[in-house]
Amino acid sequence: MNCSVSVLLSLLLSSAVHAKCATETYIIGGFIGSYPDSAPVEGAEISVAYGENAGGMSAARTAVAQTGKDGHYSVELRFYPLGSSRRGSDECNAKLTSVSVSVSAAGFESLSQLLSLNGTVATANYSLKRTAANGGGVD
């Protein structure tokens, strides 16, 4: 009984914290091509990991997208901007300044990279090297 009350209280407090600030939407989009010919890589999976600190509670988030036939993708990130001021009070002033982007596709080497954000819209284009088994060879 105590456990269920604790979980319910935690959920209610978490909802109240998120209700204080409007959710911000960040969009990361771009093109995934093969190296060195820049041909579109269809079906590549793009995973974007980011964190938020709402009301002193840290949370890891992940958003995922796949490229279309043209190699393009778009990922939408939902971010709660609750942060703390110098006075110790909570304010809606937090910004998402960087994310970790991972890209993988069958027949290609995976890559991961830290992407700095300067606003709510970012473009991130990547080139994937073919694996040796897929005609990539050694450079």
Protein backbone atom coordinates (compact mmCIF):
# COMPACT_ATOMS: atom_id res chain seq x y z
CA MET A 1 0.00 0.00 0.00
CA ASN A 2 2.78 2.45 0.91
CA CYS A 3 4.57 1.71 -2.36
CA SER A 4 1.52 2.49 -4.52
CA VAL A 5 0.85 5.74 -2.64
CA SER A 6 4.49 6.72 -3.09
CA VAL A 7 4.38 5.98 -6.84
CA LEU A 8 1.13 7.92 -7.24
CA LEU A 9 2.50 10.91 -5.33
CA SER A 10 5.66 10.84 -7.43
CA LEU A 11 3.62 10.83 -10.66
CA LEU A 12 1.45 13.69 -9.46
CA LEU A 13 4.46 15.79 -8.46
CA SER A 14 6.17 15.07 -11.76
CA SER A 15 3.05 16.16 -13.67
CA ALA A 16 2.82 19.35 -11.61
CA VAL A 17 6.46 20.18 -12.35
CA HIS A 18 5.95 19.70 -16.09
CA ALA A 19 2.69 21.68 -16.05
CA LYS A 20 4.53 24.80 -14.85
CA CYS A 21 6.40 25.29 -18.14
CA ALA A 22 5.29 24.96 -21.73
CA THR A 23 6.99 22.10 -23.57
CA GLU A 24 9.52 23.25 -26.16
CA THR A 25 9.91 21.38 -29.44
CA TYR A 26 13.33 20.99 -31.03
CA ILE A 27 13.70 19.65 -34.58
CA ILE A 28 16.85 17.98 -35.89
CA GLY A 29 16.86 17.01 -39.52
CA GLY A 30 19.31 16.22 -42.23
CA PHE A 31 20.68 13.80 -44.78
CA ILE A 32 22.47 10.46 -44.35
CA GLY A 33 24.64 9.51 -47.32
CA SER A 34 27.21 6.85 -48.08
CA TYR A 35 30.90 7.72 -48.13
CA PRO A 36 32.50 8.71 -50.50
CA ASP A 37 29.74 8.95 -53.13
CA SER A 38 27.04 10.63 -50.95
CA ALA A 39 24.33 8.27 -52.24
CA PRO A 40 21.24 8.35 -49.98
CA VAL A 41 21.17 5.67 -47.28
CA GLU A 42 17.58 4.44 -46.99
CA GLY A 43 16.43 2.98 -43.68
CA ALA A 44 19.25 4.38 -41.53
CA GLU A 45 18.21 4.73 -37.89
CA ILE A 46 18.96 8.03 -36.20
CA SER A 47 18.78 8.01 -32.40
CA VAL A 48 19.01 11.29 -30.49
CA ALA A 49 19.69 11.14 -26.75
CA TYR A 50 19.22 14.16 -24.52
CA GLY A 51 18.54 14.98 -20.91
CA GLU A 52 16.39 17.31 -18.93
CA ASN A 53 16.44 18.37 -15.31
CA ALA A 54 12.90 19.23 -14.25
CA GLY A 55 12.46 20.28 -10.66
CA GLY A 56 15.70 18.63 -9.58
CA MET A 57 14.73 15.29 -11.18
CA SER A 58 17.03 14.29 -14.06
CA ALA A 59 15.56 12.30 -16.92
CA ALA A 60 17.21 10.76 -19.97
CA ARG A 61 15.19 10.95 -23.17
CA THR A 62 15.63 9.38 -26.61
CA ALA A 63 13.95 10.16 -29.91
CA VAL A 64 14.34 7.95 -32.99
CA ALA A 65 13.74 8.40 -36.73
CA GLN A 66 14.55 6.58 -39.97
CA THR A 67 15.70 7.93 -43.29
CA GLY A 68 13.44 7.69 -46.30
CA LYS A 69 14.46 6.65 -49.82
CA ASP A 70 16.00 10.08 -50.30
CA GLY A 71 18.24 9.69 -47.22
CA HIS A 72 16.53 12.51 -45.32
CA TYR A 73 15.25 12.35 -41.73
CA SER A 74 13.61 14.55 -39.13
CA VAL A 75 13.56 13.98 -35.36
CA GLU A 76 11.29 15.87 -32.97
CA LEU A 77 12.47 16.35 -29.38
CA ARG A 78 10.08 17.39 -26.60
CA PHE A 79 11.90 19.35 -23.88
CA TYR A 80 10.65 20.74 -20.55
CA PRO A 81 12.58 23.98 -19.86
CA LEU A 82 12.21 24.05 -16.07
CA GLY A 83 15.47 25.18 -14.51
CA SER A 84 16.66 26.96 -11.40
CA SER A 85 17.49 30.63 -10.99
CA ARG A 86 20.32 32.12 -8.96
CA ARG A 87 17.75 32.91 -6.28
CA GLY A 88 16.99 29.20 -5.90
CA SER A 89 13.52 29.36 -7.40
CA ASP A 90 12.35 27.30 -10.36
CA GLU A 91 12.00 29.13 -13.67
CA CYS A 92 11.24 28.11 -17.25
CA ASN A 93 14.68 29.11 -18.51
CA ALA A 94 16.50 25.85 -19.30
CA LYS A 95 17.66 25.31 -22.87
CA LEU A 96 18.69 22.18 -24.70
CA THR A 97 22.26 23.00 -25.80
CA SER A 98 23.58 19.64 -26.99
CA VAL A 99 22.41 16.15 -27.87
CA SER A 100 24.10 12.84 -28.68
CA VAL A 101 23.31 11.59 -32.19
CA SER A 102 23.86 7.94 -33.19
CA VAL A 103 23.38 6.71 -36.75
CA SER A 104 23.30 3.08 -37.88
CA ALA A 105 22.35 1.26 -41.06
CA ALA A 106 22.78 -2.29 -42.33
CA GLY A 107 26.00 -2.64 -44.30
CA PHE A 108 27.53 0.55 -42.88
CA GLU A 109 29.72 1.48 -39.93
CA SER A 110 27.76 3.13 -37.12
CA LEU A 111 28.69 6.54 -35.81
CA SER A 112 27.96 8.64 -32.74
CA GLN A 113 28.57 12.33 -32.33
CA LEU A 114 27.78 15.16 -29.94
CA LEU A 115 25.75 17.87 -31.67
CA SER A 116 25.70 21.40 -30.26
CA LEU A 117 22.39 23.23 -30.61
CA ASN A 118 22.03 26.95 -31.14
CA GLY A 119 18.24 27.30 -31.24
CA THR A 120 15.32 24.93 -31.68
CA VAL A 121 16.07 23.84 -35.27
CA ALA A 122 19.29 22.12 -36.34
CA THR A 123 20.61 20.41 -39.47
CA ALA A 124 22.93 17.43 -39.10
CA ASN A 125 24.18 15.63 -42.20
CA TYR A 126 26.31 12.49 -41.89
CA SER A 127 28.29 10.21 -44.21
CA LEU A 128 28.48 6.51 -43.39
CA LYS A 129 31.34 4.28 -44.53
CA ARG A 130 30.42 0.89 -45.92
CA THR A 131 31.61 -2.08 -43.88
CA ALA A 132 34.39 -4.22 -45.36
CA ALA A 133 31.84 -7.01 -45.95
CA ASN A 134 29.71 -4.53 -47.92
CA GLY A 135 32.46 -3.36 -50.29
CA GLY A 136 33.94 -0.73 -47.96
CA GLY A 137 37.47 -2.02 -47.85
CA VAL A 138 40.27 -0.25 -45.99
CA ASP A 139 41.24 3.35 -46.78
